[in-house]
Structures are given as C-alpha cells and as structure tokens.
C-alpha cells in the first residue's frame, strides 16, 4: 500500500490549475505530532480523463469498452474543504 502526503487547504482559490480533483467524504483522520493522515472516500461513480501520447494509445490498442486501470501519478494529494 502506498502512503500519500496531504496538504489541508482552508480556503480554495477561485481558480486553480490542478484538474485531478476528486470529491469525497473524510472517513478517517489520524493525527501525529507533525503530520496528519486523512482518508477520503471518493463519491461514485467517478470518471477520470487521461491525456496520453497517440503512440501509447496505439500500442495499447485502446477502444471504447476496454477495461483499464487509471493510474494517477502525483507526488502528493491535497485536501480542500468548501
């Protein structure tokens, strides 16, 4: 299991460049002296969009209806609250 780092934002900016935002509900908060782990249950259904090179799409022979894994590559996961 991979561990994620979270940054808590108390006020979201009116515009943000990050597009990988998934809405959810906090299901667990584990506080330590310096860091806090926040577990979020993502509301379903969820759709994500990936932009990949055409050569990669050709290599994977992707077509509508294929079962695939969407792998989100990030160095951290931030938490925002409205």
C-alpha atoms as a PDB file:
ATOM      1  CA  UNK A   1       0.000   0.000   0.000  1.00  0.00           C
ATOM      2  CA  UNK A   2       1.368   3.403  -0.994  1.00  0.00           C
ATOM      3  CA  UNK A   3       1.370   6.230   1.553  1.00  0.00           C
ATOM      4  CA  UNK A   4       0.190   9.651   0.423  1.00  0.00           C
ATOM      5  CA  UNK A   5       1.065  13.092   1.724  1.00  0.00           C
ATOM      6  CA  UNK A   6      -1.836  15.524   2.172  1.00  0.00           C
ATOM      7  CA  UNK A   7      -1.903  19.299   2.466  1.00  0.00           C
ATOM      8  CA  UNK A   8      -5.025  20.778   4.049  1.00  0.00           C
ATOM      9  CA  UNK A   9      -6.333  23.962   2.438  1.00  0.00           C
ATOM     10  CA  UNK A  10      -8.761  26.048   4.484  1.00  0.00           C
ATOM     11  CA  UNK A  11      -9.803  28.204   1.540  1.00  0.00           C
ATOM     12  CA  UNK A  12      -9.608  27.168  -2.098  1.00  0.00           C
ATOM     13  CA  UNK A  13      -8.519  29.801  -4.587  1.00  0.00           C
ATOM     14  CA  UNK A  14     -11.199  30.884  -7.059  1.00  0.00           C
ATOM     15  CA  UNK A  15      -9.071  29.436  -9.864  1.00  0.00           C
ATOM     16  CA  UNK A  16      -6.671  26.510  -9.647  1.00  0.00           C
ATOM     17  CA  UNK A  17      -4.661  24.716 -12.337  1.00  0.00           C
ATOM     18  CA  UNK A  18      -4.979  21.268 -10.745  1.00  0.00           C
ATOM     19  CA  UNK A  19      -7.619  19.236 -12.573  1.00  0.00           C
ATOM     20  CA  UNK A  20      -7.293  15.926 -10.716  1.00  0.00           C
ATOM     21  CA  UNK A  21      -9.789  16.888  -8.015  1.00  0.00           C
ATOM     22  CA  UNK A  22     -11.997  14.099  -6.677  1.00  0.00           C
ATOM     23  CA  UNK A  23     -14.903  14.988  -4.333  1.00  0.00           C
ATOM     24  CA  UNK A  24     -15.336  12.760  -1.311  1.00  0.00           C
ATOM     25  CA  UNK A  25     -16.063  12.401   2.393  1.00  0.00           C
ATOM     26  CA  UNK A  26     -13.468  12.178   5.156  1.00  0.00           C
ATOM     27  CA  UNK A  27     -13.682   8.697   6.672  1.00  0.00           C
ATOM     28  CA  UNK A  28     -10.621   8.701   8.925  1.00  0.00           C
ATOM     29  CA  UNK A  29      -8.256  11.277  10.454  1.00  0.00           C
ATOM     30  CA  UNK A  30      -5.059  10.053  12.115  1.00  0.00           C
ATOM     31  CA  UNK A  31      -3.043  12.795  13.799  1.00  0.00           C
ATOM     32  CA  UNK A  32       0.625  12.600  14.722  1.00  0.00           C
ATOM     33  CA  UNK A  33       2.817  15.278  16.287  1.00  0.00           C
ATOM     34  CA  UNK A  34       3.782  16.753  12.901  1.00  0.00           C
ATOM     35  CA  UNK A  35       1.683  15.058  10.197  1.00  0.00           C
ATOM     36  CA  UNK A  36      -1.985  14.062   9.866  1.00  0.00           C
ATOM     37  CA  UNK A  37      -3.266  11.286   7.599  1.00  0.00           C
ATOM     38  CA  UNK A  38      -6.685  11.985   6.039  1.00  0.00           C
ATOM     39  CA  UNK A  39      -8.595   9.111   4.432  1.00  0.00           C
ATOM     40  CA  UNK A  40     -11.223  10.218   1.882  1.00  0.00           C
ATOM     41  CA  UNK A  41     -13.974   8.044   0.392  1.00  0.00           C
ATOM     42  CA  UNK A  42     -14.499   9.210  -3.173  1.00  0.00           C
ATOM     43  CA  UNK A  43     -18.101   9.601  -4.312  1.00  0.00           C
ATOM     44  CA  UNK A  44     -19.032   7.225  -7.121  1.00  0.00           C
ATOM     45  CA  UNK A  45     -19.387   6.966  -9.988  1.00  0.00           C
ATOM     46  CA  UNK A  46     -16.108   8.699 -10.754  1.00  0.00           C
ATOM     47  CA  UNK A  47     -14.693   9.389 -14.207  1.00  0.00           C
ATOM     48  CA  UNK A  48     -11.119  10.434 -14.846  1.00  0.00           C
ATOM     49  CA  UNK A  49      -9.568  11.608 -18.092  1.00  0.00           C
ATOM     50  CA  UNK A  50      -6.015  10.831 -19.097  1.00  0.00           C
ATOM     51  CA  UNK A  51      -4.093  12.577 -21.849  1.00  0.00           C
ATOM     52  CA  UNK A  52      -1.538  10.183 -23.330  1.00  0.00           C
ATOM     53  CA  UNK A  53       0.513  10.157 -26.497  1.00  0.00           C
ATOM     54  CA  UNK A  54      -1.130   8.754 -29.597  1.00  0.00           C
ATOM     55  CA  UNK A  55       1.679   6.220 -29.911  1.00  0.00           C
ATOM     56  CA  UNK A  56       0.913   4.940 -26.398  1.00  0.00           C
ATOM     57  CA  UNK A  57      -2.798   4.683 -27.266  1.00  0.00           C
ATOM     58  CA  UNK A  58      -1.900   2.776 -30.437  1.00  0.00           C
ATOM     59  CA  UNK A  59       0.405   0.445 -28.509  1.00  0.00           C
ATOM     60  CA  UNK A  60      -2.390  -0.297 -26.009  1.00  0.00           C
ATOM     61  CA  UNK A  61      -4.938  -0.654 -28.855  1.00  0.00           C
ATOM     62  CA  UNK A  62      -7.443   1.282 -26.759  1.00  0.00           C
ATOM     63  CA  UNK A  63     -11.108   1.265 -27.728  1.00  0.00           C
ATOM     64  CA  UNK A  64     -14.400   2.180 -26.065  1.00  0.00           C
ATOM     65  CA  UNK A  65     -15.486  -0.588 -23.709  1.00  0.00           C
ATOM     66  CA  UNK A  66     -11.968  -1.806 -22.812  1.00  0.00           C
ATOM     67  CA  UNK A  67     -11.334  -2.442 -19.112  1.00  0.00           C
ATOM     68  CA  UNK A  68      -8.298  -0.448 -17.994  1.00  0.00           C
ATOM     69  CA  UNK A  69      -6.649   0.924 -14.865  1.00  0.00           C
ATOM     70  CA  UNK A  70      -6.407   4.713 -14.412  1.00  0.00           C
ATOM     71  CA  UNK A  71      -3.181   5.319 -12.530  1.00  0.00           C
ATOM     72  CA  UNK A  72      -2.837   8.793 -11.009  1.00  0.00           C
ATOM     73  CA  UNK A  73       0.814   9.792 -10.775  1.00  0.00           C
ATOM     74  CA  UNK A  74       1.377  12.519  -8.197  1.00  0.00           C
ATOM     75  CA  UNK A  75       3.839  13.442  -5.510  1.00  0.00           C
ATOM     76  CA  UNK A  76       1.128  14.487  -3.064  1.00  0.00           C
ATOM     77  CA  UNK A  77      -2.622  14.629  -2.530  1.00  0.00           C
ATOM     78  CA  UNK A  78      -4.001  17.900  -1.183  1.00  0.00           C
ATOM     79  CA  UNK A  79      -7.246  18.228   0.796  1.00  0.00           C
ATOM     80  CA  UNK A  80      -9.613  21.154   0.197  1.00  0.00           C
ATOM     81  CA  UNK A  81     -12.798  21.995   2.091  1.00  0.00           C
ATOM     82  CA  UNK A  82     -15.561  24.324   0.910  1.00  0.00           C
END
